[in-house]
Amino acid sequence: MARKFRIKKKQKLKEATQKLLERLKNNEFKVDHWTEKIQTASAVRKVIEDYLFEKLPSPSYDDDISTKADILFNDFKVRYADYGVMAA
């Protein structure tokens, strides 16, 4: 039963991350060199954290949302740093 719960929890996180990525691609990542602009990068980090708080079930994620937001932000920063330049 615990394994089934972990799989469901992981799937929920994956779905939320995919929807979040699409939202960022359509908005914040369109800013040229968004990772180099402190205000834009901070806004992206805030969007990630707010989105996770909204979409992930409470209380099971409450303690590690900030950590997960940091991980996603750093991953997106590496993968999508030039997205705005490429999308133009």
PDB file of N, CA and C in Angstrom:
ATOM      1  N   MET A   1       0.814  -1.191   0.000  1.00  0.00           N
ATOM      2  CA  MET A   1       0.000   0.000   0.000  1.00  0.00           C
ATOM      3  C   MET A   1       0.869   1.271   0.000  1.00  0.00           C
ATOM      4  N   ALA A   2       1.943   1.270   0.775  1.00  0.00           N
ATOM      5  CA  ALA A   2       2.836   2.434   0.831  1.00  0.00           C
ATOM      6  C   ALA A   2       3.503   2.665  -0.514  1.00  0.00           C
ATOM      7  N   ARG A   3       3.840   1.599  -1.210  1.00  0.00           N
ATOM      8  CA  ARG A   3       4.480   1.728  -2.529  1.00  0.00           C
ATOM      9  C   ARG A   3       3.525   2.390  -3.518  1.00  0.00           C
ATOM     10  N   LYS A   4       2.273   1.989  -3.491  1.00  0.00           N
ATOM     11  CA  LYS A   4       1.256   2.557  -4.376  1.00  0.00           C
ATOM     12  C   LYS A   4       1.092   4.053  -4.090  1.00  0.00           C
ATOM     13  N   PHE A   5       1.132   4.434  -2.815  1.00  0.00           N
ATOM     14  CA  PHE A   5       1.026   5.835  -2.427  1.00  0.00           C
ATOM     15  C   PHE A   5       2.216   6.637  -2.949  1.00  0.00           C
ATOM     16  N   ARG A   6       3.434   6.070  -2.826  1.00  0.00           N
ATOM     17  CA  ARG A   6       4.638   6.752  -3.321  1.00  0.00           C
ATOM     18  C   ARG A   6       4.582   6.945  -4.827  1.00  0.00           C
ATOM     19  N   ILE A   7       4.103   5.936  -5.543  1.00  0.00           N
ATOM     20  CA  ILE A   7       3.994   6.033  -7.004  1.00  0.00           C
ATOM     21  C   ILE A   7       2.990   7.125  -7.375  1.00  0.00           C
ATOM     22  N   LYS A   8       1.868   7.152  -6.683  1.00  0.00           N
ATOM     23  CA  LYS A   8       0.850   8.163  -6.951  1.00  0.00           C
ATOM     24  C   LYS A   8       1.382   9.566  -6.637  1.00  0.00           C
ATOM     25  N   LYS A   9       2.108   9.677  -5.547  1.00  0.00           N
ATOM     26  CA  LYS A   9       2.707  10.958  -5.134  1.00  0.00           C
ATOM     27  C   LYS A   9       3.726  11.420  -6.178  1.00  0.00           C
ATOM     28  N   LYS A  10       4.545  10.495  -6.655  1.00  0.00           N
ATOM     29  CA  LYS A  10       5.554  10.823  -7.669  1.00  0.00           C
ATOM     30  C   LYS A  10       4.882  11.250  -8.974  1.00  0.00           C
ATOM     31  N   GLN A  11       3.816  10.582  -9.358  1.00  0.00           N
ATOM     32  CA  GLN A  11       3.076  10.927 -10.574  1.00  0.00           C
ATOM     33  C   GLN A  11       2.470  12.322 -10.459  1.00  0.00           C
ATOM     34  N   LYS A  12       1.940  12.637  -9.288  1.00  0.00           N
ATOM     35  CA  LYS A  12       1.356  13.964  -9.054  1.00  0.00           C
ATOM     36  C   LYS A  12       2.421  15.051  -9.205  1.00  0.00           C
ATOM     37  N   LEU A  13       3.608  14.809  -8.663  1.00  0.00           N
ATOM     38  CA  LEU A  13       4.712  15.758  -8.786  1.00  0.00           C
ATOM     39  C   LEU A  13       5.120  15.918 -10.245  1.00  0.00           C
ATOM     40  N   LYS A  14       5.202  14.824 -10.967  1.00  0.00           N
ATOM     41  CA  LYS A  14       5.586  14.856 -12.382  1.00  0.00           C
ATOM     42  C   LYS A  14       4.580  15.663 -13.209  1.00  0.00           C
ATOM     43  N   GLU A  15       3.298  15.430 -12.987  1.00  0.00           N
ATOM     44  CA  GLU A  15       2.256  16.162 -13.710  1.00  0.00           C
ATOM     45  C   GLU A  15       2.319  17.660 -13.403  1.00  0.00           C
ATOM     46  N   ALA A  16       2.500  17.992 -12.148  1.00  0.00           N
ATOM     47  CA  ALA A  16       2.592  19.403 -11.749  1.00  0.00           C
ATOM     48  C   ALA A  16       3.805  20.061 -12.391  1.00  0.00           C
ATOM     49  N   THR A  17       4.914  19.346 -12.438  1.00  0.00           N
ATOM     50  CA  THR A  17       6.143  19.893 -13.022  1.00  0.00           C
ATOM     51  C   THR A  17       5.973  20.128 -14.517  1.00  0.00           C
ATOM     52  N   GLN A  18       5.333  19.222 -15.210  1.00  0.00           N
ATOM     53  CA  GLN A  18       5.112  19.382 -16.645  1.00  0.00           C
ATOM     54  C   GLN A  18       4.223  20.590 -16.937  1.00  0.00           C
ATOM     55  N   LYS A  19       3.161  20.769 -16.168  1.00  0.00           N
ATOM     56  CA  LYS A  19       2.277  21.917 -16.357  1.00  0.00           C
ATOM     57  C   LYS A  19       2.993  23.223 -16.009  1.00  0.00           C
ATOM     58  N   LEU A  20       3.792  23.178 -14.974  1.00  0.00           N
ATOM     59  CA  LEU A  20       4.576  24.350 -14.583  1.00  0.00           C
ATOM     60  C   LEU A  20       5.549  24.737 -15.690  1.00  0.00           C
ATOM     61  N   LEU A  21       6.232  23.764 -16.266  1.00  0.00           N
ATOM     62  CA  LEU A  21       7.189  24.037 -17.334  1.00  0.00           C
ATOM     63  C   LEU A  21       6.493  24.693 -18.528  1.00  0.00           C
ATOM     64  N   GLU A  22       5.344  24.211 -18.908  1.00  0.00           N
ATOM     65  CA  GLU A  22       4.597  24.818 -20.015  1.00  0.00           C
ATOM     66  C   GLU A  22       4.230  26.260 -19.694  1.00  0.00           C
ATOM     67  N   ARG A  23       3.813  26.507 -18.460  1.00  0.00           N
ATOM     68  CA  ARG A  23       3.466  27.867 -18.061  1.00  0.00           C
ATOM     69  C   ARG A  23       4.676  28.792 -18.150  1.00  0.00           C
ATOM     70  N   LEU A  24       5.825  28.316 -17.669  1.00  0.00           N
ATOM     71  CA  LEU A  24       7.043  29.123 -17.714  1.00  0.00           C
ATOM     72  C   LEU A  24       7.504  29.361 -19.151  1.00  0.00           C
ATOM     73  N   LYS A  25       7.394  28.346 -20.004  1.00  0.00           N
ATOM     74  CA  LYS A  25       7.783  28.505 -21.415  1.00  0.00           C
ATOM     75  C   LYS A  25       6.925  29.560 -22.106  1.00  0.00           C
ATOM     76  N   ASN A  26       5.673  29.646 -21.722  1.00  0.00           N
ATOM     77  CA  ASN A  26       4.760  30.601 -22.352  1.00  0.00           C
ATOM     78  C   ASN A  26       4.864  32.003 -21.779  1.00  0.00           C
ATOM     79  N   ASN A  27       5.580  32.152 -20.672  1.00  0.00           N
ATOM     80  CA  ASN A  27       5.657  33.462 -20.017  1.00  0.00           C
ATOM     81  C   ASN A  27       7.100  33.857 -19.700  1.00  0.00           C
ATOM     82  N   GLU A  28       7.566  33.494 -18.525  1.00  0.00           N
ATOM     83  CA  GLU A  28       8.850  33.971 -18.005  1.00  0.00           C
ATOM     84  C   GLU A  28      10.060  33.581 -18.849  1.00  0.00           C
ATOM     85  N   PHE A  29      10.069  32.382 -19.410  1.00  0.00           N
ATOM     86  CA  PHE A  29      11.233  31.940 -20.181  1.00  0.00           C
ATOM     87  C   PHE A  29      11.364  32.683 -21.513  1.00  0.00           C
ATOM     88  N   LYS A  30      10.350  33.418 -21.915  1.00  0.00           N
ATOM     89  CA  LYS A  30      10.420  34.177 -23.166  1.00  0.00           C
ATOM     90  C   LYS A  30      11.267  35.443 -23.030  1.00  0.00           C
ATOM     91  N   VAL A  31      11.596  35.805 -21.805  1.00  0.00           N
ATOM     92  CA  VAL A  31      12.452  36.968 -21.568  1.00  0.00           C
ATOM     93  C   VAL A  31      13.883  36.574 -21.931  1.00  0.00           C
ATOM     94  N   ASP A  32      14.494  37.350 -22.848  1.00  0.00           N
ATOM     95  CA  ASP A  32      15.870  37.060 -23.245  1.00  0.00           C
ATOM     96  C   ASP A  32      16.786  37.050 -22.030  1.00  0.00           C
ATOM     97  N   HIS A  33      17.587  36.004 -21.920  1.00  0.00           N
ATOM     98  CA  HIS A  33      18.590  35.869 -20.854  1.00  0.00           C
ATOM     99  C   HIS A  33      17.974  36.045 -19.466  1.00  0.00           C
ATOM    100  N   TRP A  34      16.839  35.396 -19.243  1.00  0.00           N
ATOM    101  CA  TRP A  34      16.120  35.549 -17.977  1.00  0.00           C
ATOM    102  C   TRP A  34      16.958  35.144 -16.779  1.00  0.00           C
ATOM    103  N   THR A  35      17.903  34.240 -16.961  1.00  0.00           N
ATOM    104  CA  THR A  35      18.725  33.791 -15.832  1.00  0.00           C
ATOM    105  C   THR A  35      19.721  34.846 -15.387  1.00  0.00           C
ATOM    106  N   GLU A  36      20.041  35.771 -16.274  1.00  0.00           N
ATOM    107  CA  GLU A  36      21.024  36.809 -15.961  1.00  0.00           C
ATOM    108  C   GLU A  36      20.389  38.035 -15.319  1.00  0.00           C
ATOM    109  N   LYS A  37      19.079  38.105 -15.354  1.00  0.00           N
ATOM    110  CA  LYS A  37      18.354  39.246 -14.789  1.00  0.00           C
ATOM    111  C   LYS A  37      17.818  38.836 -13.420  1.00  0.00           C
ATOM    112  N   ILE A  38      18.361  39.448 -12.385  1.00  0.00           N
ATOM    113  CA  ILE A  38      18.030  39.059 -11.010  1.00  0.00           C
ATOM    114  C   ILE A  38      16.539  39.119 -10.747  1.00  0.00           C
ATOM    115  N   GLN A  39      15.891  40.167 -11.187  1.00  0.00           N
ATOM    116  CA  GLN A  39      14.463  40.328 -10.920  1.00  0.00           C
ATOM    117  C   GLN A  39      13.649  39.239 -11.628  1.00  0.00           C
ATOM    118  N   THR A  40      13.991  38.937 -12.882  1.00  0.00           N
ATOM    119  CA  THR A  40      13.266  37.910 -13.625  1.00  0.00           C
ATOM    120  C   THR A  40      13.543  36.526 -13.057  1.00  0.00           C
ATOM    121  N   ALA A  41      14.789  36.239 -12.727  1.00  0.00           N
ATOM    122  CA  ALA A  41      15.132  34.937 -12.139  1.00  0.00           C
ATOM    123  C   ALA A  41      14.415  34.756 -10.799  1.00  0.00           C
ATOM    124  N   SER A  42      14.350  35.810 -10.001  1.00  0.00           N
ATOM    125  CA  SER A  42      13.633  35.736  -8.719  1.00  0.00           C
ATOM    126  C   SER A  42      12.144  35.506  -8.949  1.00  0.00           C
ATOM    127  N   ALA A  43      11.602  36.132  -9.972  1.00  0.00           N
ATOM    128  CA  ALA A  43      10.183  35.943 -10.297  1.00  0.00           C
ATOM    129  C   ALA A  43       9.921  34.496 -10.715  1.00  0.00           C
ATOM    130  N   VAL A  44      10.834  33.922 -11.487  1.00  0.00           N
ATOM    131  CA  VAL A  44      10.692  32.523 -11.912  1.00  0.00           C
ATOM    132  C   VAL A  44      10.718  31.618 -10.684  1.00  0.00           C
ATOM    133  N   ARG A  45      11.646  31.839  -9.788  1.00  0.00           N
ATOM    134  CA  ARG A  45      11.751  31.031  -8.558  1.00  0.00           C
ATOM    135  C   ARG A  45      10.467  31.129  -7.746  1.00  0.00           C
ATOM    136  N   LYS A  46       9.907  32.332  -7.657  1.00  0.00           N
ATOM    137  CA  LYS A  46       8.660  32.551  -6.909  1.00  0.00           C
ATOM    138  C   LYS A  46       7.487  31.843  -7.588  1.00  0.00           C
ATOM    139  N   VAL A  47       7.409  31.910  -8.906  1.00  0.00           N
ATOM    140  CA  VAL A  47       6.342  31.227  -9.642  1.00  0.00           C
ATOM    141  C   VAL A  47       6.408  29.724  -9.372  1.00  0.00           C
ATOM    142  N   ILE A  48       7.619  29.174  -9.400  1.00  0.00           N
ATOM    143  CA  ILE A  48       7.801  27.742  -9.156  1.00  0.00           C
ATOM    144  C   ILE A  48       7.290  27.367  -7.773  1.00  0.00           C
ATOM    145  N   GLU A  49       7.735  28.091  -6.763  1.00  0.00           N
ATOM    146  CA  GLU A  49       7.328  27.776  -5.396  1.00  0.00           C
ATOM    147  C   GLU A  49       5.821  27.943  -5.195  1.00  0.00           C
ATOM    148  N   ASP A  50       5.260  29.037  -5.698  1.00  0.00           N
ATOM    149  CA  ASP A  50       3.825  29.269  -5.569  1.00  0.00           C
ATOM    150  C   ASP A  50       3.033  28.172  -6.269  1.00  0.00           C
ATOM    151  N   TYR A  51       3.488  27.772  -7.443  1.00  0.00           N
ATOM    152  CA  TYR A  51       2.804  26.734  -8.206  1.00  0.00           C
ATOM    153  C   TYR A  51       2.821  25.410  -7.446  1.00  0.00           C
ATOM    154  N   LEU A  52       3.966  25.065  -6.880  1.00  0.00           N
ATOM    155  CA  LEU A  52       4.059  23.816  -6.128  1.00  0.00           C
ATOM    156  C   LEU A  52       3.164  23.847  -4.894  1.00  0.00           C
ATOM    157  N   PHE A  53       3.127  24.981  -4.190  1.00  0.00           N
ATOM    158  CA  PHE A  53       2.243  25.102  -3.026  1.00  0.00           C
ATOM    159  C   PHE A  53       0.783  24.925  -3.431  1.00  0.00           C
ATOM    160  N   GLU A  54       0.430  25.453  -4.602  1.00  0.00           N
ATOM    161  CA  GLU A  54      -0.952  25.372  -5.068  1.00  0.00           C
ATOM    162  C   GLU A  54      -1.318  23.968  -5.548  1.00  0.00           C
ATOM    163  N   LYS A  55      -0.414  23.299  -6.245  1.00  0.00           N
ATOM    164  CA  LYS A  55      -0.762  22.056  -6.929  1.00  0.00           C
ATOM    165  C   LYS A  55      -0.465  20.771  -6.168  1.00  0.00           C
ATOM    166  N   LEU A  56       0.491  20.808  -5.263  1.00  0.00           N
ATOM    167  CA  LEU A  56       0.848  19.573  -4.567  1.00  0.00           C
ATOM    168  C   LEU A  56       0.017  19.402  -3.304  1.00  0.00           C
ATOM    169  N   PRO A  57      -0.339  18.162  -3.012  1.00  0.00           N
ATOM    170  CA  PRO A  57      -1.210  17.917  -1.857  1.00  0.00           C
ATOM    171  C   PRO A  57      -0.538  18.262  -0.529  1.00  0.00           C
ATOM    172  N   SER A  58      -1.313  18.907   0.297  1.00  0.00           N
ATOM    173  CA  SER A  58      -0.854  19.249   1.632  1.00  0.00           C
ATOM    174  C   SER A  58      -1.416  18.180   2.571  1.00  0.00           C
ATOM    175  N   PRO A  59      -0.794  17.793   3.593  1.00  0.00           N
ATOM    176  CA  PRO A  59       0.489  18.219   4.149  1.00  0.00           C
ATOM    177  C   PRO A  59       1.680  17.397   3.659  1.00  0.00           C
ATOM    178  N   SER A  60       1.469  16.446   2.766  1.00  0.00           N
ATOM    179  CA  SER A  60       2.562  15.546   2.409  1.00  0.00           C
ATOM    180  C   SER A  60       3.752  16.235   1.757  1.00  0.00           C
ATOM    181  N   TYR A  61       3.560  17.406   1.168  1.00  0.00           N
ATOM    182  CA  TYR A  61       4.680  18.096   0.526  1.00  0.00           C
ATOM    183  C   TYR A  61       5.093  19.372   1.237  1.00  0.00           C
ATOM    184  N   ASP A  62       4.365  19.803   2.243  1.00  0.00           N
ATOM    185  CA  ASP A  62       4.605  21.105   2.864  1.00  0.00           C
ATOM    186  C   ASP A  62       6.053  21.322   3.298  1.00  0.00           C
ATOM    187  N   ASP A  63       6.681  20.309   3.862  1.00  0.00           N
ATOM    188  CA  ASP A  63       8.033  20.488   4.396  1.00  0.00           C
ATOM    189  C   ASP A  63       9.111  20.580   3.328  1.00  0.00           C
ATOM    190  N   ASP A  64       8.876  20.013   2.149  1.00  0.00           N
ATOM    191  CA  ASP A  64       9.949  20.012   1.162  1.00  0.00           C
ATOM    192  C   ASP A  64       9.622  20.764  -0.120  1.00  0.00           C
ATOM    193  N   ILE A  65       8.596  21.592  -0.129  1.00  0.00           N
ATOM    194  CA  ILE A  65       8.272  22.365  -1.325  1.00  0.00           C
ATOM    195  C   ILE A  65       9.394  23.342  -1.655  1.00  0.00           C
ATOM    196  N   SER A  66       9.935  23.996  -0.660  1.00  0.00           N
ATOM    197  CA  SER A  66      11.022  24.947  -0.913  1.00  0.00           C
ATOM    198  C   SER A  66      12.236  24.242  -1.520  1.00  0.00           C
ATOM    199  N   THR A  67      12.556  23.072  -1.013  1.00  0.00           N
ATOM    200  CA  THR A  67      13.674  22.296  -1.557  1.00  0.00           C
ATOM    201  C   THR A  67      13.385  21.865  -2.989  1.00  0.00           C
ATOM    202  N   LYS A  68      12.182  21.384  -3.240  1.00  0.00           N
ATOM    203  CA  LYS A  68      11.803  20.972  -4.591  1.00  0.00           C
ATOM    204  C   LYS A  68      11.800  22.173  -5.539  1.00  0.00           C
ATOM    205  N   ALA A  69      11.385  23.329  -5.059  1.00  0.00           N
ATOM    206  CA  ALA A  69      11.400  24.544  -5.876  1.00  0.00           C
ATOM    207  C   ALA A  69      12.829  24.915  -6.253  1.00  0.00           C
ATOM    208  N   ASP A  70      13.761  24.795  -5.308  1.00  0.00           N
ATOM    209  CA  ASP A  70      15.176  25.073  -5.607  1.00  0.00           C
ATOM    210  C   ASP A  70      15.716  24.117  -6.666  1.00  0.00           C
ATOM    211  N   ILE A  71      15.387  22.847  -6.525  1.00  0.00           N
ATOM    212  CA  ILE A  71      15.851  21.839  -7.483  1.00  0.00           C
ATOM    213  C   ILE A  71      15.300  22.141  -8.883  1.00  0.00           C
ATOM    214  N   LEU A  72      13.999  22.409  -8.960  1.00  0.00           N
ATOM    215  CA  LEU A  72      13.398  22.717 -10.257  1.00  0.00           C
ATOM    216  C   LEU A  72      13.967  23.998 -10.847  1.00  0.00           C
ATOM    217  N   PHE A  73      14.112  25.024 -10.024  1.00  0.00           N
ATOM    218  CA  PHE A  73      14.668  26.288 -10.518  1.00  0.00           C
ATOM    219  C   PHE A  73      16.051  26.072 -11.111  1.00  0.00           C
ATOM    220  N   ASN A  74      16.911  25.369 -10.394  1.00  0.00           N
ATOM    221  CA  ASN A  74      18.272  25.137 -10.886  1.00  0.00           C
ATOM    222  C   ASN A  74      18.275  24.298 -12.162  1.00  0.00           C
ATOM    223  N   ASP A  75      17.404  23.307 -12.231  1.00  0.00           N
ATOM    224  CA  ASP A  75      17.304  22.486 -13.440  1.00  0.00           C
ATOM    225  C   ASP A  75      16.799  23.325 -14.618  1.00  0.00           C
ATOM    226  N   PHE A  76      15.744  24.098 -14.396  1.00  0.00           N
ATOM    227  CA  PHE A  76      15.211  24.942 -15.460  1.00  0.00           C
ATOM    228  C   PHE A  76      16.227  26.001 -15.890  1.00  0.00           C
ATOM    229  N   LYS A  77      16.973  26.506 -14.946  1.00  0.00           N
ATOM    230  CA  LYS A  77      17.984  27.534 -15.243  1.00  0.00           C
ATOM    231  C   LYS A  77      19.039  26.978 -16.205  1.00  0.00           C
ATOM    232  N   VAL A  78      19.444  25.748 -15.983  1.00  0.00           N
ATOM    233  CA  VAL A  78      20.436  25.118 -16.870  1.00  0.00           C
ATOM    234  C   VAL A  78      19.818  24.798 -18.229  1.00  0.00           C
ATOM    235  N   ARG A  79      18.647  24.195 -18.209  1.00  0.00           N
ATOM    236  CA  ARG A  79      18.028  23.713 -19.452  1.00  0.00           C
ATOM    237  C   ARG A  79      17.407  24.805 -20.309  1.00  0.00           C
ATOM    238  N   TYR A  80      16.888  25.852 -19.692  1.00  0.00           N
ATOM    239  CA  TYR A  80      16.107  26.846 -20.429  1.00  0.00           C
ATOM    240  C   TYR A  80      16.668  28.262 -20.336  1.00  0.00           C
ATOM    241  N   ALA A  81      17.927  28.409 -20.051  1.00  0.00           N
ATOM    242  CA  ALA A  81      18.545  29.732 -19.930  1.00  0.00           C
ATOM    243  C   ALA A  81      18.420  30.524 -21.219  1.00  0.00           C
ATOM    244  N   ASP A  82      18.505  29.868 -22.349  1.00  0.00           N
ATOM    245  CA  ASP A  82      18.454  30.545 -23.652  1.00  0.00           C
ATOM    246  C   ASP A  82      17.110  30.376 -24.353  1.00  0.00           C
ATOM    247  N   TYR A  83      16.094  29.967 -23.630  1.00  0.00           N
ATOM    248  CA  TYR A  83      14.805  29.700 -24.258  1.00  0.00           C
ATOM    249  C   TYR A  83      14.223  30.933 -24.941  1.00  0.00           C
ATOM    250  N   GLY A  84      14.324  32.085 -24.310  1.00  0.00           N
ATOM    251  CA  GLY A  84      13.794  33.318 -24.897  1.00  0.00           C
ATOM    252  C   GLY A  84      14.481  33.677 -26.193  1.00  0.00           C
ATOM    253  N   VAL A  85      15.773  33.419 -26.280  1.00  0.00           N
ATOM    254  CA  VAL A  85      16.536  33.713 -27.495  1.00  0.00           C
ATOM    255  C   VAL A  85      16.124  32.728 -28.602  1.00  0.00           C
ATOM    256  N   MET A  86      15.973  31.456 -28.246  1.00  0.00           N
ATOM    257  CA  MET A  86      15.615  30.429 -29.223  1.00  0.00           C
ATOM    258  C   MET A  86      14.175  30.582 -29.690  1.00  0.00           C
ATOM    259  N   ALA A  87      13.272  31.039 -28.813  1.00  0.00           N
ATOM    260  CA  ALA A  87      11.851  31.138 -29.141  1.00  0.00           C
ATOM    261  C   ALA A  87      11.575  32.350 -30.043  1.00  0.00           C
ATOM    262  N   ALA A  88      12.464  33.315 -30.026  1.00  0.00           N
ATOM    263  CA  ALA A  88      12.247  34.558 -30.792  1.00  0.00           C
ATOM    264  C   ALA A  88      12.381  34.357 -32.277  1.00  0.00           C
TER     265      ALA A  88
END
